[in-house]
Amino acid sequence: MLIPVLRVANITNAAAWYARLGFGLEFEHSRGQAFSRADAILKRGDECLLLSQGDDRVKSDGVVCLRVAEIEPIANEFNVEIQHEFLRKQIELHDPDGNRIQVFALDSFKPDCSSTGSTS
């Protein structure tokens, strides 16, 4: 399993923002001097994100692509316009820490195979 790591300034605020995408807090751990560093694992079905607070080794310009079955509820939640691309609908979000989240749903592509042209 591949788990993206995103740098955040505040685990609690970031977890609340990602809850709007359907992620729930699975685990949180604080460490370091005065508990200045923290990590949290968020889950959405089988998908996971690792949020990292106070770890300078983690860059703050992450990009995550999230595939969903229905994009409309998420677009409505964040009040953004859906972009229609070839065979998909997508929206682009930025979390409070500047990480970019691309959310997309594949269009149901069903080729029309009903015509049975006969070449005799």
PDB file of N, CA and C in Angstrom:
ATOM      1  N   MET A   1       0.844  -1.174   0.000  1.00  0.00           N
ATOM      2  CA  MET A   1       0.000   0.000   0.000  1.00  0.00           C
ATOM      3  C   MET A   1       0.890   1.239   0.000  1.00  0.00           C
ATOM      4  N   LEU A   2       0.534   2.185  -0.818  1.00  0.00           N
ATOM      5  CA  LEU A   2       1.251   3.455  -0.921  1.00  0.00           C
ATOM      6  C   LEU A   2       0.503   4.494  -0.106  1.00  0.00           C
ATOM      7  N   ILE A   3       1.209   5.179   0.815  1.00  0.00           N
ATOM      8  CA  ILE A   3       0.564   6.181   1.663  1.00  0.00           C
ATOM      9  C   ILE A   3       1.269   7.516   1.485  1.00  0.00           C
ATOM     10  N   PRO A   4       0.578   8.504   0.895  1.00  0.00           N
ATOM     11  CA  PRO A   4       1.182   9.836   0.749  1.00  0.00           C
ATOM     12  C   PRO A   4       1.381  10.494   2.111  1.00  0.00           C
ATOM     13  N   VAL A   5       2.479  11.249   2.240  1.00  0.00           N
ATOM     14  CA  VAL A   5       2.777  11.996   3.453  1.00  0.00           C
ATOM     15  C   VAL A   5       2.659  13.476   3.124  1.00  0.00           C
ATOM     16  N   LEU A   6       1.829  14.177   3.881  1.00  0.00           N
ATOM     17  CA  LEU A   6       1.601  15.596   3.654  1.00  0.00           C
ATOM     18  C   LEU A   6       1.993  16.394   4.893  1.00  0.00           C
ATOM     19  N   ARG A   7       2.739  17.464   4.687  1.00  0.00           N
ATOM     20  CA  ARG A   7       3.140  18.330   5.789  1.00  0.00           C
ATOM     21  C   ARG A   7       1.992  19.293   6.106  1.00  0.00           C
ATOM     22  N   VAL A   8       1.673  19.411   7.386  1.00  0.00           N
ATOM     23  CA  VAL A   8       0.619  20.315   7.828  1.00  0.00           C
ATOM     24  C   VAL A   8       1.115  21.115   9.033  1.00  0.00           C
ATOM     25  N   ALA A   9       0.506  22.271   9.248  1.00  0.00           N
ATOM     26  CA  ALA A   9       0.885  23.108  10.380  1.00  0.00           C
ATOM     27  C   ALA A   9       0.189  22.675  11.659  1.00  0.00           C
ATOM     28  N   ASN A  10      -1.030  22.108  11.513  1.00  0.00           N
ATOM     29  CA  ASN A  10      -1.813  21.732  12.675  1.00  0.00           C
ATOM     30  C   ASN A  10      -2.616  20.472  12.337  1.00  0.00           C
ATOM     31  N   ILE A  11      -2.305  19.379  13.009  1.00  0.00           N
ATOM     32  CA  ILE A  11      -2.955  18.090  12.746  1.00  0.00           C
ATOM     33  C   ILE A  11      -4.475  18.188  12.918  1.00  0.00           C
ATOM     34  N   THR A  12      -4.934  18.824  13.968  1.00  0.00           N
ATOM     35  CA  THR A  12      -6.365  18.899  14.253  1.00  0.00           C
ATOM     36  C   THR A  12      -7.113  19.637  13.149  1.00  0.00           C
ATOM     37  N   ASN A  13      -6.592  20.797  12.741  1.00  0.00           N
ATOM     38  CA  ASN A  13      -7.240  21.567  11.675  1.00  0.00           C
ATOM     39  C   ASN A  13      -7.218  20.819  10.353  1.00  0.00           C
ATOM     40  N   ALA A  14      -6.082  20.194  10.035  1.00  0.00           N
ATOM     41  CA  ALA A  14      -5.962  19.456   8.771  1.00  0.00           C
ATOM     42  C   ALA A  14      -6.901  18.252   8.757  1.00  0.00           C
ATOM     43  N   ALA A  15      -6.982  17.526   9.863  1.00  0.00           N
ATOM     44  CA  ALA A  15      -7.870  16.357   9.931  1.00  0.00           C
ATOM     45  C   ALA A  15      -9.329  16.777   9.728  1.00  0.00           C
ATOM     46  N   ALA A  16      -9.709  17.928  10.271  1.00  0.00           N
ATOM     47  CA  ALA A  16     -11.079  18.423  10.074  1.00  0.00           C
ATOM     48  C   ALA A  16     -11.323  18.759   8.605  1.00  0.00           C
ATOM     49  N   TRP A  17     -10.327  19.337   7.933  1.00  0.00           N
ATOM     50  CA  TRP A  17     -10.477  19.664   6.518  1.00  0.00           C
ATOM     51  C   TRP A  17     -10.615  18.380   5.690  1.00  0.00           C
ATOM     52  N   TYR A  18      -9.777  17.383   5.955  1.00  0.00           N
ATOM     53  CA  TYR A  18      -9.823  16.126   5.199  1.00  0.00           C
ATOM     54  C   TYR A  18     -11.080  15.313   5.523  1.00  0.00           C
ATOM     55  N   ALA A  19     -11.703  15.556   6.659  1.00  0.00           N
ATOM     56  CA  ALA A  19     -12.976  14.897   6.976  1.00  0.00           C
ATOM     57  C   ALA A  19     -14.037  15.294   5.956  1.00  0.00           C
ATOM     58  N   ARG A  20     -13.935  16.489   5.403  1.00  0.00           N
ATOM     59  CA  ARG A  20     -14.877  16.940   4.372  1.00  0.00           C
ATOM     60  C   ARG A  20     -14.734  16.112   3.087  1.00  0.00           C
ATOM     61  N   LEU A  21     -13.598  15.444   2.918  1.00  0.00           N
ATOM     62  CA  LEU A  21     -13.377  14.539   1.784  1.00  0.00           C
ATOM     63  C   LEU A  21     -13.707  13.095   2.148  1.00  0.00           C
ATOM     64  N   GLY A  22     -14.175  12.868   3.361  1.00  0.00           N
ATOM     65  CA  GLY A  22     -14.549  11.525   3.786  1.00  0.00           C
ATOM     66  C   GLY A  22     -13.472  10.778   4.546  1.00  0.00           C
ATOM     67  N   PHE A  23     -12.372  11.440   4.903  1.00  0.00           N
ATOM     68  CA  PHE A  23     -11.302  10.788   5.664  1.00  0.00           C
ATOM     69  C   PHE A  23     -11.594  10.898   7.155  1.00  0.00           C
ATOM     70  N   GLY A  24     -11.351   9.820   7.875  1.00  0.00           N
ATOM     71  CA  GLY A  24     -11.505   9.810   9.331  1.00  0.00           C
ATOM     72  C   GLY A  24     -10.169   9.572   9.999  1.00  0.00           C
ATOM     73  N   LEU A  25     -10.008  10.102  11.197  1.00  0.00           N
ATOM     74  CA  LEU A  25      -8.772   9.938  11.950  1.00  0.00           C
ATOM     75  C   LEU A  25      -8.667   8.502  12.454  1.00  0.00           C
ATOM     76  N   GLU A  26      -7.610   7.823  12.055  1.00  0.00           N
ATOM     77  CA  GLU A  26      -7.377   6.431  12.449  1.00  0.00           C
ATOM     78  C   GLU A  26      -6.404   6.350  13.628  1.00  0.00           C
ATOM     79  N   PHE A  27      -5.380   7.227  13.628  1.00  0.00           N
ATOM     80  CA  PHE A  27      -4.320   7.141  14.628  1.00  0.00           C
ATOM     81  C   PHE A  27      -3.595   8.479  14.684  1.00  0.00           C
ATOM     82  N   GLU A  28      -3.231   8.909  15.876  1.00  0.00           N
ATOM     83  CA  GLU A  28      -2.436  10.128  16.041  1.00  0.00           C
ATOM     84  C   GLU A  28      -1.366   9.873  17.089  1.00  0.00           C
ATOM     85  N   HIS A  29      -0.163  10.402  16.822  1.00  0.00           N
ATOM     86  CA  HIS A  29       0.956  10.213  17.742  1.00  0.00           C
ATOM     87  C   HIS A  29       1.755  11.511  17.810  1.00  0.00           C
ATOM     88  N   SER A  30       1.997  12.001  19.020  1.00  0.00           N
ATOM     89  CA  SER A  30       2.814  13.204  19.227  1.00  0.00           C
ATOM     90  C   SER A  30       4.143  12.799  19.825  1.00  0.00           C
ATOM     91  N   ARG A  31       5.182  13.573  19.481  1.00  0.00           N
ATOM     92  CA  ARG A  31       6.517  13.267  19.985  1.00  0.00           C
ATOM     93  C   ARG A  31       7.359  14.541  19.950  1.00  0.00           C
ATOM     94  N   GLY A  32       8.582  14.440  20.382  1.00  0.00           N
ATOM     95  CA  GLY A  32       9.503  15.575  20.356  1.00  0.00           C
ATOM     96  C   GLY A  32       9.357  16.453  21.579  1.00  0.00           C
ATOM     97  N   GLN A  33      10.204  17.463  21.622  1.00  0.00           N
ATOM     98  CA  GLN A  33      10.217  18.386  22.740  1.00  0.00           C
ATOM     99  C   GLN A  33       8.866  19.098  22.841  1.00  0.00           C
ATOM    100  N   ALA A  34       8.234  19.020  23.984  1.00  0.00           N
ATOM    101  CA  ALA A  34       6.910  19.604  24.228  1.00  0.00           C
ATOM    102  C   ALA A  34       5.886  19.107  23.204  1.00  0.00           C
ATOM    103  N   PHE A  35       6.083  17.882  22.738  1.00  0.00           N
ATOM    104  CA  PHE A  35       5.190  17.280  21.743  1.00  0.00           C
ATOM    105  C   PHE A  35       5.018  18.177  20.518  1.00  0.00           C
ATOM    106  N   SER A  36       6.117  18.744  20.045  1.00  0.00           N
ATOM    107  CA  SER A  36       6.086  19.686  18.925  1.00  0.00           C
ATOM    108  C   SER A  36       5.919  19.006  17.576  1.00  0.00           C
ATOM    109  N   ARG A  37       6.108  17.696  17.539  1.00  0.00           N
ATOM    110  CA  ARG A  37       5.940  16.960  16.279  1.00  0.00           C
ATOM    111  C   ARG A  37       4.808  15.964  16.449  1.00  0.00           C
ATOM    112  N   ALA A  38       4.049  15.793  15.378  1.00  0.00           N
ATOM    113  CA  ALA A  38       2.919  14.864  15.444  1.00  0.00           C
ATOM    114  C   ALA A  38       2.691  14.254  14.078  1.00  0.00           C
ATOM    115  N   ASP A  39       2.163  13.054  14.081  1.00  0.00           N
ATOM    116  CA  ASP A  39       1.753  12.365  12.858  1.00  0.00           C
ATOM    117  C   ASP A  39       0.340  11.849  13.068  1.00  0.00           C
ATOM    118  N   ALA A  40      -0.418  11.816  11.991  1.00  0.00           N
ATOM    119  CA  ALA A  40      -1.770  11.262  12.053  1.00  0.00           C
ATOM    120  C   ALA A  40      -2.029  10.475  10.786  1.00  0.00           C
ATOM    121  N   ILE A  41      -2.681   9.345  10.942  1.00  0.00           N
ATOM    122  CA  ILE A  41      -3.101   8.541   9.798  1.00  0.00           C
ATOM    123  C   ILE A  41      -4.598   8.743   9.634  1.00  0.00           C
ATOM    124  N   LEU A  42      -4.980   9.136   8.420  1.00  0.00           N
ATOM    125  CA  LEU A  42      -6.387   9.296   8.072  1.00  0.00           C
ATOM    126  C   LEU A  42      -6.760   8.208   7.088  1.00  0.00           C
ATOM    127  N   LYS A  43      -7.987   7.688   7.207  1.00  0.00           N
ATOM    128  CA  LYS A  43      -8.444   6.631   6.294  1.00  0.00           C
ATOM    129  C   LYS A  43      -9.768   7.014   5.661  1.00  0.00           C
ATOM    130  N   ARG A  44      -9.902   6.575   4.411  1.00  0.00           N
ATOM    131  CA  ARG A  44     -11.155   6.700   3.655  1.00  0.00           C
ATOM    132  C   ARG A  44     -11.297   5.384   2.906  1.00  0.00           C
ATOM    133  N   GLY A  45     -12.052   4.457   3.458  1.00  0.00           N
ATOM    134  CA  GLY A  45     -12.106   3.114   2.873  1.00  0.00           C
ATOM    135  C   GLY A  45     -10.733   2.474   2.961  1.00  0.00           C
ATOM    136  N   ASP A  46     -10.189   2.061   1.827  1.00  0.00           N
ATOM    137  CA  ASP A  46      -8.853   1.461   1.786  1.00  0.00           C
ATOM    138  C   ASP A  46      -7.742   2.493   1.576  1.00  0.00           C
ATOM    139  N   GLU A  47      -8.099   3.755   1.403  1.00  0.00           N
ATOM    140  CA  GLU A  47      -7.112   4.797   1.141  1.00  0.00           C
ATOM    141  C   GLU A  47      -6.641   5.432   2.444  1.00  0.00           C
ATOM    142  N   CYS A  48      -5.355   5.779   2.490  1.00  0.00           N
ATOM    143  CA  CYS A  48      -4.771   6.385   3.682  1.00  0.00           C
ATOM    144  C   CYS A  48      -3.979   7.626   3.321  1.00  0.00           C
ATOM    145  N   LEU A  49      -3.910   8.545   4.263  1.00  0.00           N
ATOM    146  CA  LEU A  49      -3.022   9.700   4.194  1.00  0.00           C
ATOM    147  C   LEU A  49      -2.280   9.777   5.513  1.00  0.00           C
ATOM    148  N   LEU A  50      -1.025  10.208   5.467  1.00  0.00           N
ATOM    149  CA  LEU A  50      -0.247  10.455   6.673  1.00  0.00           C
ATOM    150  C   LEU A  50      -0.005  11.950   6.743  1.00  0.00           C
ATOM    151  N   LEU A  51      -0.510  12.580   7.790  1.00  0.00           N
ATOM    152  CA  LEU A  51      -0.284  14.007   8.006  1.00  0.00           C
ATOM    153  C   LEU A  51       0.869  14.156   8.987  1.00  0.00           C
ATOM    154  N   SER A  52       1.804  15.043   8.657  1.00  0.00           N
ATOM    155  CA  SER A  52       2.990  15.236   9.479  1.00  0.00           C
ATOM    156  C   SER A  52       3.091  16.695   9.896  1.00  0.00           C
ATOM    157  N   GLN A  53       3.172  16.918  11.198  1.00  0.00           N
ATOM    158  CA  GLN A  53       3.289  18.263  11.744  1.00  0.00           C
ATOM    159  C   GLN A  53       4.644  18.412  12.420  1.00  0.00           C
ATOM    160  N   GLY A  54       5.405  19.423  12.016  1.00  0.00           N
ATOM    161  CA  GLY A  54       6.663  19.735  12.687  1.00  0.00           C
ATOM    162  C   GLY A  54       7.863  18.943  12.228  1.00  0.00           C
ATOM    163  N   ASP A  55       7.753  18.138  11.207  1.00  0.00           N
ATOM    164  CA  ASP A  55       8.884  17.360  10.689  1.00  0.00           C
ATOM    165  C   ASP A  55       9.449  18.088   9.476  1.00  0.00           C
ATOM    166  N   ASP A  56      10.606  18.693   9.627  1.00  0.00           N
ATOM    167  CA  ASP A  56      11.215  19.490   8.553  1.00  0.00           C
ATOM    168  C   ASP A  56      11.650  18.657   7.350  1.00  0.00           C
ATOM    169  N   ARG A  57      11.703  17.344   7.499  1.00  0.00           N
ATOM    170  CA  ARG A  57      12.090  16.493   6.359  1.00  0.00           C
ATOM    171  C   ARG A  57      10.968  16.349   5.349  1.00  0.00           C
ATOM    172  N   VAL A  58       9.735  16.675   5.747  1.00  0.00           N
ATOM    173  CA  VAL A  58       8.578  16.551   4.862  1.00  0.00           C
ATOM    174  C   VAL A  58       8.334  17.896   4.194  1.00  0.00           C
ATOM    175  N   LYS A  59       8.281  17.901   2.867  1.00  0.00           N
ATOM    176  CA  LYS A  59       8.044  19.128   2.097  1.00  0.00           C
ATOM    177  C   LYS A  59       6.574  19.531   2.195  1.00  0.00           C
ATOM    178  N   SER A  60       6.310  20.817   2.005  1.00  0.00           N
ATOM    179  CA  SER A  60       4.952  21.322   2.208  1.00  0.00           C
ATOM    180  C   SER A  60       4.166  21.525   0.923  1.00  0.00           C
ATOM    181  N   ASP A  61       4.629  20.979  -0.171  1.00  0.00           N
ATOM    182  CA  ASP A  61       3.921  21.188  -1.436  1.00  0.00           C
ATOM    183  C   ASP A  61       3.510  19.863  -2.065  1.00  0.00           C
ATOM    184  N   GLY A  62       2.830  19.046  -1.279  1.00  0.00           N
ATOM    185  CA  GLY A  62       2.427  17.731  -1.749  1.00  0.00           C
ATOM    186  C   GLY A  62       1.299  17.793  -2.770  1.00  0.00           C
ATOM    187  N   VAL A  63       1.187  16.724  -3.558  1.00  0.00           N
ATOM    188  CA  VAL A  63       0.108  16.569  -4.528  1.00  0.00           C
ATOM    189  C   VAL A  63      -0.455  15.163  -4.362  1.00  0.00           C
ATOM    190  N   VAL A  64      -1.779  15.080  -4.216  1.00  0.00           N
ATOM    191  CA  VAL A  64      -2.451  13.796  -4.076  1.00  0.00           C
ATOM    192  C   VAL A  64      -3.598  13.758  -5.078  1.00  0.00           C
ATOM    193  N   CYS A  65      -3.744  12.632  -5.770  1.00  0.00           N
ATOM    194  CA  CYS A  65      -4.890  12.417  -6.655  1.00  0.00           C
ATOM    195  C   CYS A  65      -5.820  11.434  -5.964  1.00  0.00           C
ATOM    196  N   LEU A  66      -7.079  11.803  -5.895  1.00  0.00           N
ATOM    197  CA  LEU A  66      -8.085  10.994  -5.211  1.00  0.00           C
ATOM    198  C   LEU A  66      -9.186  10.642  -6.197  1.00  0.00           C
ATOM    199  N   ARG A  67      -9.346   9.347  -6.450  1.00  0.00           N
ATOM    200  CA  ARG A  67     -10.408   8.884  -7.355  1.00  0.00           C
ATOM    201  C   ARG A  67     -11.653   8.578  -6.536  1.00  0.00           C
ATOM    202  N   VAL A  68     -12.778   9.125  -6.984  1.00  0.00           N
ATOM    203  CA  VAL A  68     -14.055   8.915  -6.296  1.00  0.00           C
ATOM    204  C   VAL A  68     -15.095   8.430  -7.301  1.00  0.00           C
ATOM    205  N   ALA A  69     -16.144   7.826  -6.794  1.00  0.00           N
ATOM    206  CA  ALA A  69     -17.224   7.366  -7.672  1.00  0.00           C
ATOM    207  C   ALA A  69     -18.092   8.540  -8.121  1.00  0.00           C
ATOM    208  N   GLU A  70     -18.377   9.450  -7.204  1.00  0.00           N
ATOM    209  CA  GLU A  70     -19.234  10.607  -7.491  1.00  0.00           C
ATOM    210  C   GLU A  70     -18.505  11.871  -7.060  1.00  0.00           C
ATOM    211  N   ILE A  71     -18.271  12.769  -7.984  1.00  0.00           N
ATOM    212  CA  ILE A  71     -17.535  13.991  -7.665  1.00  0.00           C
ATOM    213  C   ILE A  71     -18.438  15.141  -7.246  1.00  0.00           C
ATOM    214  N   GLU A  72     -19.704  15.100  -7.637  1.00  0.00           N
ATOM    215  CA  GLU A  72     -20.620  16.209  -7.383  1.00  0.00           C
ATOM    216  C   GLU A  72     -20.750  16.559  -5.901  1.00  0.00           C
ATOM    217  N   PRO A  73     -20.928  15.582  -4.994  1.00  0.00           N
ATOM    218  CA  PRO A  73     -21.045  15.950  -3.574  1.00  0.00           C
ATOM    219  C   PRO A  73     -19.803  16.664  -3.035  1.00  0.00           C
ATOM    220  N   ILE A  74     -18.632  16.266  -3.495  1.00  0.00           N
ATOM    221  CA  ILE A  74     -17.400  16.907  -3.026  1.00  0.00           C
ATOM    222  C   ILE A  74     -17.283  18.314  -3.603  1.00  0.00           C
ATOM    223  N   ALA A  75     -17.609  18.469  -4.878  1.00  0.00           N
ATOM    224  CA  ALA A  75     -17.582  19.801  -5.491  1.00  0.00           C
ATOM    225  C   ALA A  75     -18.546  20.733  -4.763  1.00  0.00           C
ATOM    226  N   ASN A  76     -19.713  20.221  -4.390  1.00  0.00           N
ATOM    227  CA  ASN A  76     -20.682  21.028  -3.649  1.00  0.00           C
ATOM    228  C   ASN A  76     -20.163  21.381  -2.255  1.00  0.00           C
ATOM    229  N   GLU A  77     -19.540  20.425  -1.583  1.00  0.00           N
ATOM    230  CA  GLU A  77     -19.011  20.658  -0.233  1.00  0.00           C
ATOM    231  C   GLU A  77     -17.982  21.790  -0.228  1.00  0.00           C
ATOM    232  N   PHE A  78     -17.138  21.833  -1.269  1.00  0.00           N
ATOM    233  CA  PHE A  78     -16.076  22.845  -1.334  1.00  0.00           C
ATOM    234  C   PHE A  78     -16.462  24.032  -2.219  1.00  0.00           C
ATOM    235  N   ASN A  79     -17.674  24.006  -2.767  1.00  0.00           N
ATOM    236  CA  ASN A  79     -18.176  25.096  -3.601  1.00  0.00           C
ATOM    237  C   ASN A  79     -17.217  25.428  -4.755  1.00  0.00           C
ATOM    238  N   VAL A  80     -16.826  24.392  -5.499  1.00  0.00           N
ATOM    239  CA  VAL A  80     -15.946  24.572  -6.656  1.00  0.00           C
ATOM    240  C   VAL A  80     -16.621  24.004  -7.899  1.00  0.00           C
ATOM    241  N   GLU A  81     -16.206  24.513  -9.027  1.00  0.00           N
ATOM    242  CA  GLU A  81     -16.772  24.091 -10.303  1.00  0.00           C
ATOM    243  C   GLU A  81     -16.073  22.830 -10.801  1.00  0.00           C
ATOM    244  N   ILE A  82     -16.853  21.925 -11.344  1.00  0.00           N
ATOM    245  CA  ILE A  82     -16.313  20.687 -11.896  1.00  0.00           C
ATOM    246  C   ILE A  82     -15.758  20.963 -13.287  1.00  0.00           C
ATOM    247  N   GLN A  83     -14.549  20.473 -13.534  1.00  0.00           N
ATOM    248  CA  GLN A  83     -13.923  20.577 -14.847  1.00  0.00           C
ATOM    249  C   GLN A  83     -14.184  19.275 -15.583  1.00  0.00           C
ATOM    250  N   HIS A  84     -14.589  19.387 -16.835  1.00  0.00           N
ATOM    251  CA  HIS A  84     -14.858  18.200 -17.649  1.00  0.00           C
ATOM    252  C   HIS A  84     -13.683  17.975 -18.585  1.00  0.00           C
ATOM    253  N   GLU A  85     -12.978  16.881 -18.359  1.00  0.00           N
ATOM    254  CA  GLU A  85     -11.840  16.481 -19.172  1.00  0.00           C
ATOM    255  C   GLU A  85     -12.229  15.226 -19.949  1.00  0.00           C
ATOM    256  N   PHE A  86     -11.362  14.770 -20.830  1.00  0.00           N
ATOM    257  CA  PHE A  86     -11.633  13.567 -21.609  1.00  0.00           C
ATOM    258  C   PHE A  86     -11.777  12.374 -20.679  1.00  0.00           C
ATOM    259  N   LEU A  87     -12.946  11.766 -20.672  1.00  0.00           N
ATOM    260  CA  LEU A  87     -13.294  10.564 -19.908  1.00  0.00           C
ATOM    261  C   LEU A  87     -13.266  10.740 -18.394  1.00  0.00           C
ATOM    262  N   ARG A  88     -13.244  11.991 -17.909  1.00  0.00           N
ATOM    263  CA  ARG A  88     -13.282  12.185 -16.462  1.00  0.00           C
ATOM    264  C   ARG A  88     -13.800  13.583 -16.117  1.00  0.00           C
ATOM    265  N   LYS A  89     -14.282  13.690 -14.883  1.00  0.00           N
ATOM    266  CA  LYS A  89     -14.630  14.965 -14.282  1.00  0.00           C
ATOM    267  C   LYS A  89     -13.649  15.170 -13.142  1.00  0.00           C
ATOM    268  N   GLN A  90     -13.235  16.429 -12.910  1.00  0.00           N
ATOM    269  CA  GLN A  90     -12.266  16.643 -11.846  1.00  0.00           C
ATOM    270  C   GLN A  90     -12.442  18.004 -11.199  1.00  0.00           C
ATOM    271  N   ILE A  91     -11.922  18.092  -9.983  1.00  0.00           N
ATOM    272  CA  ILE A  91     -11.816  19.357  -9.281  1.00  0.00           C
ATOM    273  C   ILE A  91     -10.425  19.424  -8.672  1.00  0.00           C
ATOM    274  N   GLU A  92      -9.962  20.619  -8.434  1.00  0.00           N
ATOM    275  CA  GLU A  92      -8.662  20.785  -7.776  1.00  0.00           C
ATOM    276  C   GLU A  92      -8.872  21.586  -6.510  1.00  0.00           C
ATOM    277  N   LEU A  93      -8.365  21.053  -5.411  1.00  0.00           N
ATOM    278  CA  LEU A  93      -8.480  21.677  -4.105  1.00  0.00           C
ATOM    279  C   LEU A  93      -7.096  21.931  -3.531  1.00  0.00           C
ATOM    280  N   HIS A  94      -7.015  22.849  -2.590  1.00  0.00           N
ATOM    281  CA  HIS A  94      -5.795  23.081  -1.825  1.00  0.00           C
ATOM    282  C   HIS A  94      -6.170  23.039  -0.352  1.00  0.00           C
ATOM    283  N   ASP A  95      -5.471  22.202   0.404  1.00  0.00           N
ATOM    284  CA  ASP A  95      -5.776  22.141   1.831  1.00  0.00           C
ATOM    285  C   ASP A  95      -5.239  23.407   2.507  1.00  0.00           C
ATOM    286  N   PRO A  96      -5.527  23.619   3.784  1.00  0.00           N
ATOM    287  CA  PRO A  96      -5.096  24.849   4.454  1.00  0.00           C
ATOM    288  C   PRO A  96      -3.577  25.061   4.462  1.00  0.00           C
ATOM    289  N   ASP A  97      -2.814  24.001   4.189  1.00  0.00           N
ATOM    290  CA  ASP A  97      -1.351  24.105   4.201  1.00  0.00           C
ATOM    291  C   ASP A  97      -0.754  24.172   2.802  1.00  0.00           C
ATOM    292  N   GLY A  98      -1.594  24.285   1.787  1.00  0.00           N
ATOM    293  CA  GLY A  98      -1.108  24.446   0.422  1.00  0.00           C
ATOM    294  C   GLY A  98      -0.901  23.159  -0.347  1.00  0.00           C
ATOM    295  N   ASN A  99      -1.158  22.004   0.256  1.00  0.00           N
ATOM    296  CA  ASN A  99      -1.061  20.744  -0.473  1.00  0.00           C
ATOM    297  C   ASN A  99      -2.194  20.691  -1.496  1.00  0.00           C
ATOM    298  N   ARG A 100      -1.872  20.211  -2.682  1.00  0.00           N
ATOM    299  CA  ARG A 100      -2.850  20.171  -3.769  1.00  0.00           C
ATOM    300  C   ARG A 100      -3.519  18.803  -3.819  1.00  0.00           C
ATOM    301  N   ILE A 101      -4.848  18.805  -3.863  1.00  0.00           N
ATOM    302  CA  ILE A 101      -5.624  17.573  -3.919  1.00  0.00           C
ATOM    303  C   ILE A 101      -6.442  17.599  -5.203  1.00  0.00           C
ATOM    304  N   GLN A 102      -6.125  16.700  -6.122  1.00  0.00           N
ATOM    305  CA  GLN A 102      -6.883  16.572  -7.364  1.00  0.00           C
ATOM    306  C   GLN A 102      -7.876  15.430  -7.182  1.00  0.00           C
ATOM    307  N   VAL A 103      -9.145  15.755  -7.273  1.00  0.00           N
ATOM    308  CA  VAL A 103     -10.204  14.768  -7.096  1.00  0.00           C
ATOM    309  C   VAL A 103     -10.826  14.521  -8.460  1.00  0.00           C
ATOM    310  N   PHE A 104     -10.972  13.245  -8.830  1.00  0.00           N
ATOM    311  CA  PHE A 104     -11.558  12.953 -10.140  1.00  0.00           C
ATOM    312  C   PHE A 104     -12.475  11.746 -10.081  1.00  0.00           C
ATOM    313  N   ALA A 105     -13.404  11.724 -11.027  1.00  0.00           N
ATOM    314  CA  ALA A 105     -14.303  10.589 -11.213  1.00  0.00           C
ATOM    315  C   ALA A 105     -14.274  10.249 -12.690  1.00  0.00           C
ATOM    316  N   LEU A 106     -14.124   8.982 -12.993  1.00  0.00           N
ATOM    317  CA  LEU A 106     -14.125   8.544 -14.379  1.00  0.00           C
ATOM    318  C   LEU A 106     -15.531   8.552 -14.931  1.00  0.00           C
ATOM    319  N   ASP A 107     -15.658   8.993 -16.173  1.00  0.00           N
ATOM    320  CA  ASP A 107     -16.948   8.912 -16.853  1.00  0.00           C
ATOM    321  C   ASP A 107     -17.207   7.455 -17.208  1.00  0.00           C
ATOM    322  N   SER A 108     -18.456   7.090 -17.232  1.00  0.00           N
ATOM    323  CA  SER A 108     -18.771   5.726 -17.653  1.00  0.00           C
ATOM    324  C   SER A 108     -18.788   5.713 -19.175  1.00  0.00           C
ATOM    325  N   PHE A 109     -17.785   5.117 -19.741  1.00  0.00           N
ATOM    326  CA  PHE A 109     -17.625   5.051 -21.191  1.00  0.00           C
ATOM    327  C   PHE A 109     -18.154   3.717 -21.663  1.00  0.00           C
ATOM    328  N   LYS A 110     -19.185   3.775 -22.474  1.00  0.00           N
ATOM    329  CA  LYS A 110     -19.788   2.551 -23.002  1.00  0.00           C
ATOM    330  C   LYS A 110     -19.882   2.697 -24.515  1.00  0.00           C
ATOM    331  N   PRO A 111     -19.002   2.047 -25.239  1.00  0.00           N
ATOM    332  CA  PRO A 111     -19.059   2.157 -26.702  1.00  0.00           C
ATOM    333  C   PRO A 111     -20.347   1.550 -27.262  1.00  0.00           C
ATOM    334  N   ASP A 112     -20.852   2.146 -28.292  1.00  0.00           N
ATOM    335  CA  ASP A 112     -22.069   1.657 -28.934  1.00  0.00           C
ATOM    336  C   ASP A 112     -21.687   0.549 -29.906  1.00  0.00           C
ATOM    337  N   CYS A 113     -21.964  -0.660 -29.515  1.00  0.00           N
ATOM    338  CA  CYS A 113     -21.639  -1.822 -30.360  1.00  0.00           C
ATOM    339  C   CYS A 113     -22.912  -2.459 -30.903  1.00  0.00           C
ATOM    340  N   SER A 114     -24.004  -1.719 -30.897  1.00  0.00           N
ATOM    341  CA  SER A 114     -25.282  -2.297 -31.298  1.00  0.00           C
ATOM    342  C   SER A 114     -25.393  -2.440 -32.810  1.00  0.00           C
ATOM    343  N   SER A 115     -24.699  -1.604 -33.568  1.00  0.00           N
ATOM    344  CA  SER A 115     -24.813  -1.738 -35.025  1.00  0.00           C
ATOM    345  C   SER A 115     -23.897  -2.866 -35.491  1.00  0.00           C
ATOM    346  N   THR A 116     -24.467  -3.765 -36.212  1.00  0.00           N
ATOM    347  CA  THR A 116     -23.704  -4.914 -36.721  1.00  0.00           C
ATOM    348  C   THR A 116     -23.648  -4.819 -38.224  1.00  0.00           C
ATOM    349  N   GLY A 117     -22.897  -3.853 -38.672  1.00  0.00           N
ATOM    350  CA  GLY A 117     -22.775  -3.666 -40.123  1.00  0.00           C
ATOM    351  C   GLY A 117     -22.203  -4.908 -40.787  1.00  0.00           C
ATOM    352  N   SER A 118     -22.863  -5.374 -41.797  1.00  0.00           N
ATOM    353  CA  SER A 118     -22.437  -6.587 -42.499  1.00  0.00           C
ATOM    354  C   SER A 118     -21.807  -6.177 -43.828  1.00  0.00           C
ATOM    355  N   THR A 119     -20.648  -6.692 -44.069  1.00  0.00           N
ATOM    356  CA  THR A 119     -19.963  -6.414 -45.343  1.00  0.00           C
ATOM    357  C   THR A 119     -19.871  -7.714 -46.127  1.00  0.00           C
ATOM    358  N   SER A 120     -20.756  -7.873 -47.069  1.00  0.00           N
ATOM    359  CA  SER A 120     -20.729  -9.097 -47.878  1.00  0.00           C
ATOM    360  C   SER A 120     -20.405  -8.752 -49.290  1.00  0.00           C
TER     361      SER A 120
END
